[in-house]
Amino acid sequence: MRLTRPAALLAALLLVLLAASCAVRHESPNGITVEVDANQPEAAIIAAREHCEKYGKKAVQRYASEPAPSPRLLFLESQIISFNCVA
């Protein structure tokens, strides 16, 4: 299926917004911790999956904080989510 130009532009914009809603706090071959918009935890899952795949591992969620007011201007409430990279 081929995307039309407006659909392709919309998809690119959504990808940029999704990526902008995720900030890496810590990363290593053993795992990753990200801060995400509390309304978009999928962004953390995507970031963790991509990070762990670089090491040939699978991302497994270890911890997720409760949503809290964000110190960043990008979103109103944020959530810290940590993942382990396991073989």
PDB file of N, CA and C in Angstrom:
ATOM      1  N   MET A   1       0.843  -1.178   0.000  1.00  0.00           N
ATOM      2  CA  MET A   1       0.000   0.000   0.000  1.00  0.00           C
ATOM      3  C   MET A   1       0.888   1.241   0.000  1.00  0.00           C
ATOM      4  N   ARG A   2       0.597   2.143  -0.904  1.00  0.00           N
ATOM      5  CA  ARG A   2       1.396   3.360  -1.040  1.00  0.00           C
ATOM      6  C   ARG A   2       0.653   4.519  -0.387  1.00  0.00           C
ATOM      7  N   LEU A   3       1.369   5.297   0.428  1.00  0.00           N
ATOM      8  CA  LEU A   3       0.758   6.437   1.095  1.00  0.00           C
ATOM      9  C   LEU A   3       0.702   7.638   0.160  1.00  0.00           C
ATOM     10  N   THR A   4      -0.385   8.389   0.246  1.00  0.00           N
ATOM     11  CA  THR A   4      -0.467   9.638  -0.505  1.00  0.00           C
ATOM     12  C   THR A   4       0.401  10.667   0.210  1.00  0.00           C
ATOM     13  N   ARG A   5       0.706  11.738  -0.461  1.00  0.00           N
ATOM     14  CA  ARG A   5       1.586  12.757   0.132  1.00  0.00           C
ATOM     15  C   ARG A   5       1.029  13.301   1.455  1.00  0.00           C
ATOM     16  N   PRO A   6      -0.255  13.693   1.566  1.00  0.00           N
ATOM     17  CA  PRO A   6      -0.751  14.183   2.866  1.00  0.00           C
ATOM     18  C   PRO A   6      -0.668  13.118   3.955  1.00  0.00           C
ATOM     19  N   ALA A   7      -0.946  11.871   3.603  1.00  0.00           N
ATOM     20  CA  ALA A   7      -0.876  10.803   4.598  1.00  0.00           C
ATOM     21  C   ALA A   7       0.564  10.574   5.049  1.00  0.00           C
ATOM     22  N   ALA A   8       1.505  10.659   4.129  1.00  0.00           N
ATOM     23  CA  ALA A   8       2.917  10.484   4.464  1.00  0.00           C
ATOM     24  C   ALA A   8       3.396  11.620   5.376  1.00  0.00           C
ATOM     25  N   LEU A   9       2.959  12.841   5.089  1.00  0.00           N
ATOM     26  CA  LEU A   9       3.337  13.979   5.924  1.00  0.00           C
ATOM     27  C   LEU A   9       2.747  13.843   7.326  1.00  0.00           C
ATOM     28  N   LEU A  10       1.509  13.392   7.415  1.00  0.00           N
ATOM     29  CA  LEU A  10       0.866  13.187   8.712  1.00  0.00           C
ATOM     30  C   LEU A  10       1.594  12.097   9.494  1.00  0.00           C
ATOM     31  N   ALA A  11       1.962  11.021   8.835  1.00  0.00           N
ATOM     32  CA  ALA A  11       2.685   9.940   9.496  1.00  0.00           C
ATOM     33  C   ALA A  11       4.034  10.441  10.014  1.00  0.00           C
ATOM     34  N   ALA A  12       4.731  11.237   9.234  1.00  0.00           N
ATOM     35  CA  ALA A  12       6.018  11.786   9.655  1.00  0.00           C
ATOM     36  C   ALA A  12       5.843  12.718  10.851  1.00  0.00           C
ATOM     37  N   LEU A  13       4.810  13.526  10.844  1.00  0.00           N
ATOM     38  CA  LEU A  13       4.543  14.436  11.953  1.00  0.00           C
ATOM     39  C   LEU A  13       4.235  13.660  13.228  1.00  0.00           C
ATOM     40  N   LEU A  14       3.434  12.619  13.117  1.00  0.00           N
ATOM     41  CA  LEU A  14       3.108  11.805  14.288  1.00  0.00           C
ATOM     42  C   LEU A  14       4.349  11.118  14.843  1.00  0.00           C
ATOM     43  N   LEU A  15       5.221  10.677  13.972  1.00  0.00           N
ATOM     44  CA  LEU A  15       6.463  10.042  14.411  1.00  0.00           C
ATOM     45  C   LEU A  15       7.342  11.034  15.166  1.00  0.00           C
ATOM     46  N   VAL A  16       7.422  12.255  14.689  1.00  0.00           N
ATOM     47  CA  VAL A  16       8.210  13.288  15.365  1.00  0.00           C
ATOM     48  C   VAL A  16       7.605  13.596  16.731  1.00  0.00           C
ATOM     49  N   LEU A  17       6.289  13.712  16.808  1.00  0.00           N
ATOM     50  CA  LEU A  17       5.640  13.995  18.092  1.00  0.00           C
ATOM     51  C   LEU A  17       5.838  12.856  19.072  1.00  0.00           C
ATOM     52  N   LEU A  18       5.756  11.626  18.594  1.00  0.00           N
ATOM     53  CA  LEU A  18       5.961  10.478  19.462  1.00  0.00           C
ATOM     54  C   LEU A  18       7.398  10.451  19.969  1.00  0.00           C
ATOM     55  N   ALA A  19       8.351  10.698  19.111  1.00  0.00           N
ATOM     56  CA  ALA A  19       9.754  10.704  19.518  1.00  0.00           C
ATOM     57  C   ALA A  19      10.033  11.844  20.492  1.00  0.00           C
ATOM     58  N   ALA A  20       9.364  12.966  20.319  1.00  0.00           N
ATOM     59  CA  ALA A  20       9.583  14.115  21.184  1.00  0.00           C
ATOM     60  C   ALA A  20       9.004  13.898  22.573  1.00  0.00           C
ATOM     61  N   SER A  21       8.165  12.895  22.730  1.00  0.00           N
ATOM     62  CA  SER A  21       7.542  12.662  24.024  1.00  0.00           C
ATOM     63  C   SER A  21       8.348  11.695  24.876  1.00  0.00           C
ATOM     64  N   CYS A  22       9.582  11.419  24.506  1.00  0.00           N
ATOM     65  CA  CYS A  22      10.401  10.435  25.210  1.00  0.00           C
ATOM     66  C   CYS A  22      11.806  10.991  25.421  1.00  0.00           C
ATOM     67  N   ALA A  23      12.280  10.962  26.683  1.00  0.00           N
ATOM     68  CA  ALA A  23      13.628  11.427  26.986  1.00  0.00           C
ATOM     69  C   ALA A  23      14.375  10.308  27.706  1.00  0.00           C
ATOM     70  N   VAL A  24      15.523   9.923  27.179  1.00  0.00           N
ATOM     71  CA  VAL A  24      16.327   8.863  27.785  1.00  0.00           C
ATOM     72  C   VAL A  24      17.008   9.423  29.024  1.00  0.00           C
ATOM     73  N   ARG A  25      16.822   8.769  30.163  1.00  0.00           N
ATOM     74  CA  ARG A  25      17.461   9.183  31.420  1.00  0.00           C
ATOM     75  C   ARG A  25      18.752   8.399  31.649  1.00  0.00           C
ATOM     76  N   HIS A  26      18.753   7.118  31.258  1.00  0.00           N
ATOM     77  CA  HIS A  26      19.933   6.265  31.429  1.00  0.00           C
ATOM     78  C   HIS A  26      19.836   5.113  30.441  1.00  0.00           C
ATOM     79  N   GLU A  27      20.985   4.711  29.887  1.00  0.00           N
ATOM     80  CA  GLU A  27      20.991   3.549  29.008  1.00  0.00           C
ATOM     81  C   GLU A  27      22.314   2.804  29.132  1.00  0.00           C
ATOM     82  N   SER A  28      22.236   1.494  28.991  1.00  0.00           N
ATOM     83  CA  SER A  28      23.403   0.621  29.005  1.00  0.00           C
ATOM     84  C   SER A  28      23.013  -0.654  28.263  1.00  0.00           C
ATOM     85  N   PRO A  29      23.954  -1.555  28.002  1.00  0.00           N
ATOM     86  CA  PRO A  29      23.596  -2.815  27.345  1.00  0.00           C
ATOM     87  C   PRO A  29      22.626  -3.666  28.173  1.00  0.00           C
ATOM     88  N   ASN A  30      22.535  -3.373  29.477  1.00  0.00           N
ATOM     89  CA  ASN A  30      21.646  -4.148  30.354  1.00  0.00           C
ATOM     90  C   ASN A  30      20.259  -3.562  30.498  1.00  0.00           C
ATOM     91  N   GLY A  31      20.036  -2.341  30.013  1.00  0.00           N
ATOM     92  CA  GLY A  31      18.712  -1.751  30.144  1.00  0.00           C
ATOM     93  C   GLY A  31      18.669  -0.288  29.779  1.00  0.00           C
ATOM     94  N   ILE A  32      17.473   0.288  29.950  1.00  0.00           N
ATOM     95  CA  ILE A  32      17.249   1.691  29.613  1.00  0.00           C
ATOM     96  C   ILE A  32      16.156   2.247  30.527  1.00  0.00           C
ATOM     97  N   THR A  33      16.295   3.506  30.898  1.00  0.00           N
ATOM     98  CA  THR A  33      15.282   4.209  31.677  1.00  0.00           C
ATOM     99  C   THR A  33      14.902   5.459  30.895  1.00  0.00           C
ATOM    100  N   VAL A  34      13.611   5.642  30.691  1.00  0.00           N
ATOM    101  CA  VAL A  34      13.138   6.788  29.919  1.00  0.00           C
ATOM    102  C   VAL A  34      12.059   7.542  30.678  1.00  0.00           C
ATOM    103  N   GLU A  35      11.963   8.828  30.380  1.00  0.00           N
ATOM    104  CA  GLU A  35      10.880   9.661  30.896  1.00  0.00           C
ATOM    105  C   GLU A  35       9.953   9.948  29.721  1.00  0.00           C
ATOM    106  N   VAL A  36       8.685   9.671  29.907  1.00  0.00           N
ATOM    107  CA  VAL A  36       7.724   9.837  28.823  1.00  0.00           C
ATOM    108  C   VAL A  36       6.520  10.635  29.293  1.00  0.00           C
ATOM    109  N   ASP A  37       5.798  11.164  28.331  1.00  0.00           N
ATOM    110  CA  ASP A  37       4.508  11.774  28.596  1.00  0.00           C
ATOM    111  C   ASP A  37       3.626  10.682  29.197  1.00  0.00           C
ATOM    112  N   ALA A  38       2.974  10.973  30.307  1.00  0.00           N
ATOM    113  CA  ALA A  38       2.158   9.967  30.993  1.00  0.00           C
ATOM    114  C   ALA A  38       1.040   9.427  30.110  1.00  0.00           C
ATOM    115  N   ASN A  39       0.652  10.174  29.096  1.00  0.00           N
ATOM    116  CA  ASN A  39      -0.399   9.714  28.186  1.00  0.00           C
ATOM    117  C   ASN A  39       0.136   8.892  27.026  1.00  0.00           C
ATOM    118  N   GLN A  40       1.456   8.738  26.930  1.00  0.00           N
ATOM    119  CA  GLN A  40       2.054   8.004  25.807  1.00  0.00           C
ATOM    120  C   GLN A  40       3.110   7.012  26.279  1.00  0.00           C
ATOM    121  N   PRO A  41       2.736   6.039  27.103  1.00  0.00           N
ATOM    122  CA  PRO A  41       3.732   5.058  27.545  1.00  0.00           C
ATOM    123  C   PRO A  41       4.248   4.186  26.400  1.00  0.00           C
ATOM    124  N   GLU A  42       3.531   4.170  25.285  1.00  0.00           N
ATOM    125  CA  GLU A  42       3.982   3.403  24.116  1.00  0.00           C
ATOM    126  C   GLU A  42       5.331   3.911  23.617  1.00  0.00           C
ATOM    127  N   ALA A  43       5.598   5.195  23.808  1.00  0.00           N
ATOM    128  CA  ALA A  43       6.873   5.764  23.368  1.00  0.00           C
ATOM    129  C   ALA A  43       8.029   5.113  24.115  1.00  0.00           C
ATOM    130  N   ALA A  44       7.840   4.817  25.392  1.00  0.00           N
ATOM    131  CA  ALA A  44       8.882   4.145  26.175  1.00  0.00           C
ATOM    132  C   ALA A  44       9.093   2.728  25.675  1.00  0.00           C
ATOM    133  N   ILE A  45       8.015   2.044  25.354  1.00  0.00           N
ATOM    134  CA  ILE A  45       8.111   0.672  24.858  1.00  0.00           C
ATOM    135  C   ILE A  45       8.885   0.632  23.545  1.00  0.00           C
ATOM    136  N   ILE A  46       8.582   1.565  22.659  1.00  0.00           N
ATOM    137  CA  ILE A  46       9.273   1.626  21.364  1.00  0.00           C
ATOM    138  C   ILE A  46      10.760   1.927  21.566  1.00  0.00           C
ATOM    139  N   ALA A  47      11.063   2.915  22.424  1.00  0.00           N
ATOM    140  CA  ALA A  47      12.460   3.273  22.674  1.00  0.00           C
ATOM    141  C   ALA A  47      13.224   2.102  23.286  1.00  0.00           C
ATOM    142  N   ALA A  48      12.613   1.408  24.228  1.00  0.00           N
ATOM    143  CA  ALA A  48      13.269   0.271  24.879  1.00  0.00           C
ATOM    144  C   ALA A  48      13.481  -0.872  23.892  1.00  0.00           C
ATOM    145  N   ARG A  49      12.481  -1.155  23.080  1.00  0.00           N
ATOM    146  CA  ARG A  49      12.606  -2.229  22.095  1.00  0.00           C
ATOM    147  C   ARG A  49      13.757  -1.936  21.137  1.00  0.00           C
ATOM    148  N   GLU A  50      13.815  -0.711  20.624  1.00  0.00           N
ATOM    149  CA  GLU A  50      14.880  -0.347  19.687  1.00  0.00           C
ATOM    150  C   GLU A  50      16.252  -0.390  20.362  1.00  0.00           C
ATOM    151  N   HIS A  51      16.327   0.067  21.602  1.00  0.00           N
ATOM    152  CA  HIS A  51      17.594   0.068  22.330  1.00  0.00           C
ATOM    153  C   HIS A  51      18.092  -1.359  22.550  1.00  0.00           C
ATOM    154  N   CYS A  52      17.242  -2.234  23.060  1.00  0.00           N
ATOM    155  CA  CYS A  52      17.653  -3.605  23.376  1.00  0.00           C
ATOM    156  C   CYS A  52      17.960  -4.414  22.124  1.00  0.00           C
ATOM    157  N   GLU A  53      17.271  -4.117  21.024  1.00  0.00           N
ATOM    158  CA  GLU A  53      17.541  -4.834  19.771  1.00  0.00           C
ATOM    159  C   GLU A  53      18.960  -4.576  19.270  1.00  0.00           C
ATOM    160  N   LYS A  54      19.543  -3.415  19.613  1.00  0.00           N
ATOM    161  CA  LYS A  54      20.929  -3.128  19.218  1.00  0.00           C
ATOM    162  C   LYS A  54      21.898  -4.146  19.815  1.00  0.00           C
ATOM    163  N   TYR A  55      21.509  -4.736  20.938  1.00  0.00           N
ATOM    164  CA  TYR A  55      22.356  -5.707  21.630  1.00  0.00           C
ATOM    165  C   TYR A  55      21.847  -7.141  21.455  1.00  0.00           C
ATOM    166  N   GLY A  56      20.887  -7.327  20.570  1.00  0.00           N
ATOM    167  CA  GLY A  56      20.337  -8.653  20.324  1.00  0.00           C
ATOM    168  C   GLY A  56      19.524  -9.181  21.488  1.00  0.00           C
ATOM    169  N   LYS A  57      18.916  -8.263  22.241  1.00  0.00           N
ATOM    170  CA  LYS A  57      18.147  -8.643  23.422  1.00  0.00           C
ATOM    171  C   LYS A  57      16.706  -8.162  23.311  1.00  0.00           C
ATOM    172  N   LYS A  58      15.896  -8.581  24.275  1.00  0.00           N
ATOM    173  CA  LYS A  58      14.482  -8.216  24.322  1.00  0.00           C
ATOM    174  C   LYS A  58      14.237  -7.314  25.531  1.00  0.00           C
ATOM    175  N   ALA A  59      13.414  -6.288  25.362  1.00  0.00           N
ATOM    176  CA  ALA A  59      13.104  -5.356  26.448  1.00  0.00           C
ATOM    177  C   ALA A  59      11.994  -5.928  27.334  1.00  0.00           C
ATOM    178  N   VAL A  60      12.247  -5.907  28.652  1.00  0.00           N
ATOM    179  CA  VAL A  60      11.263  -6.353  29.633  1.00  0.00           C
ATOM    180  C   VAL A  60      11.096  -5.224  30.649  1.00  0.00           C
ATOM    181  N   GLN A  61       9.852  -4.764  30.827  1.00  0.00           N
ATOM    182  CA  GLN A  61       9.623  -3.654  31.746  1.00  0.00           C
ATOM    183  C   GLN A  61       9.909  -4.075  33.178  1.00  0.00           C
ATOM    184  N   ARG A  62      10.677  -3.213  33.873  1.00  0.00           N
ATOM    185  CA  ARG A  62      11.063  -3.485  35.254  1.00  0.00           C
ATOM    186  C   ARG A  62      10.318  -2.591  36.232  1.00  0.00           C
ATOM    187  N   TYR A  63      10.098  -1.332  35.864  1.00  0.00           N
ATOM    188  CA  TYR A  63       9.532  -0.365  36.801  1.00  0.00           C
ATOM    189  C   TYR A  63       8.804   0.725  36.031  1.00  0.00           C
ATOM    190  N   ALA A  64       7.707   1.182  36.595  1.00  0.00           N
ATOM    191  CA  ALA A  64       6.993   2.342  36.048  1.00  0.00           C
ATOM    192  C   ALA A  64       6.495   3.186  37.217  1.00  0.00           C
ATOM    193  N   SER A  65       6.887   4.444  37.236  1.00  0.00           N
ATOM    194  CA  SER A  65       6.447   5.344  38.298  1.00  0.00           C
ATOM    195  C   SER A  65       4.999   5.766  38.071  1.00  0.00           C
ATOM    196  N   GLU A  66       4.442   6.348  39.081  1.00  0.00           N
ATOM    197  CA  GLU A  66       3.123   6.965  38.942  1.00  0.00           C
ATOM    198  C   GLU A  66       3.301   8.270  38.159  1.00  0.00           C
ATOM    199  N   PRO A  67       2.306   8.656  37.357  1.00  0.00           N
ATOM    200  CA  PRO A  67       2.409   9.947  36.663  1.00  0.00           C
ATOM    201  C   PRO A  67       2.571  11.086  37.668  1.00  0.00           C
ATOM    202  N   ALA A  68       3.436  12.031  37.334  1.00  0.00           N
ATOM    203  CA  ALA A  68       3.707  13.170  38.211  1.00  0.00           C
ATOM    204  C   ALA A  68       3.892  14.416  37.353  1.00  0.00           C
ATOM    205  N   PRO A  69       3.706  15.597  37.937  1.00  0.00           N
ATOM    206  CA  PRO A  69       3.940  16.821  37.172  1.00  0.00           C
ATOM    207  C   PRO A  69       5.361  16.830  36.605  1.00  0.00           C
ATOM    208  N   SER A  70       5.462  17.215  35.351  1.00  0.00           N
ATOM    209  CA  SER A  70       6.748  17.179  34.668  1.00  0.00           C
ATOM    210  C   SER A  70       7.508  18.480  34.829  1.00  0.00           C
ATOM    211  N   PRO A  71       8.821  18.392  35.058  1.00  0.00           N
ATOM    212  CA  PRO A  71       9.635  19.612  35.100  1.00  0.00           C
ATOM    213  C   PRO A  71       9.923  20.149  33.702  1.00  0.00           C
ATOM    214  N   ARG A  72       9.570  19.381  32.679  1.00  0.00           N
ATOM    215  CA  ARG A  72       9.815  19.789  31.295  1.00  0.00           C
ATOM    216  C   ARG A  72       8.586  20.518  30.752  1.00  0.00           C
ATOM    217  N   LEU A  73       8.785  21.342  29.766  1.00  0.00           N
ATOM    218  CA  LEU A  73       7.677  22.073  29.159  1.00  0.00           C
ATOM    219  C   LEU A  73       6.953  21.259  28.098  1.00  0.00           C
ATOM    220  N   LEU A  74       7.556  20.156  27.679  1.00  0.00           N
ATOM    221  CA  LEU A  74       7.025  19.397  26.562  1.00  0.00           C
ATOM    222  C   LEU A  74       5.699  18.712  26.893  1.00  0.00           C
ATOM    223  N   PHE A  75       5.536  18.261  28.101  1.00  0.00           N
ATOM    224  CA  PHE A  75       4.297  17.613  28.494  1.00  0.00           C
ATOM    225  C   PHE A  75       3.953  17.974  29.930  1.00  0.00           C
ATOM    226  N   LEU A  76       2.704  17.776  30.323  1.00  0.00           N
ATOM    227  CA  LEU A  76       2.250  18.218  31.627  1.00  0.00           C
ATOM    228  C   LEU A  76       2.540  17.214  32.732  1.00  0.00           C
ATOM    229  N   GLU A  77       2.332  15.932  32.455  1.00  0.00           N
ATOM    230  CA  GLU A  77       2.641  14.886  33.420  1.00  0.00           C
ATOM    231  C   GLU A  77       3.590  13.890  32.774  1.00  0.00           C
ATOM    232  N   SER A  78       4.567  13.469  33.541  1.00  0.00           N
ATOM    233  CA  SER A  78       5.515  12.509  32.990  1.00  0.00           C
ATOM    234  C   SER A  78       5.542  11.259  33.846  1.00  0.00           C
ATOM    235  N   GLN A  79       6.157  10.236  33.292  1.00  0.00           N
ATOM    236  CA  GLN A  79       6.275   8.959  33.956  1.00  0.00           C
ATOM    237  C   GLN A  79       7.672   8.411  33.653  1.00  0.00           C
ATOM    238  N   ILE A  80       8.328   7.840  34.656  1.00  0.00           N
ATOM    239  CA  ILE A  80       9.640   7.218  34.479  1.00  0.00           C
ATOM    240  C   ILE A  80       9.402   5.720  34.331  1.00  0.00           C
ATOM    241  N   ILE A  81       9.925   5.137  33.249  1.00  0.00           N
ATOM    242  CA  ILE A  81       9.755   3.707  33.005  1.00  0.00           C
ATOM    243  C   ILE A  81      11.129   3.102  32.723  1.00  0.00           C
ATOM    244  N   SER A  82      11.443   2.022  33.433  1.00  0.00           N
ATOM    245  CA  SER A  82      12.728   1.330  33.270  1.00  0.00           C
ATOM    246  C   SER A  82      12.499  -0.050  32.663  1.00  0.00           C
ATOM    247  N   PHE A  83      13.437  -0.438  31.822  1.00  0.00           N
ATOM    248  CA  PHE A  83      13.395  -1.745  31.152  1.00  0.00           C
ATOM    249  C   PHE A  83      14.727  -2.440  31.335  1.00  0.00           C
ATOM    250  N   ASN A  84      14.693  -3.757  31.474  1.00  0.00           N
ATOM    251  CA  ASN A  84      15.890  -4.590  31.405  1.00  0.00           C
ATOM    252  C   ASN A  84      16.000  -5.135  30.004  1.00  0.00           C
ATOM    253  N   CYS A  85      17.214  -5.298  29.528  1.00  0.00           N
ATOM    254  CA  CYS A  85      17.461  -5.971  28.247  1.00  0.00           C
ATOM    255  C   CYS A  85      17.875  -7.403  28.577  1.00  0.00           C
ATOM    256  N   VAL A  86      17.065  -8.373  28.184  1.00  0.00           N
ATOM    257  CA  VAL A  86      17.349  -9.771  28.492  1.00  0.00           C
ATOM    258  C   VAL A  86      17.503 -10.561  27.198  1.00  0.00           C
ATOM    259  N   ALA A  87      18.323 -11.611  27.290  1.00  0.00           N
ATOM    260  CA  ALA A  87      18.572 -12.467  26.110  1.00  0.00           C
ATOM    261  C   ALA A  87      17.380 -13.348  25.803  1.00  0.00           C
TER     262      ALA A  87
END
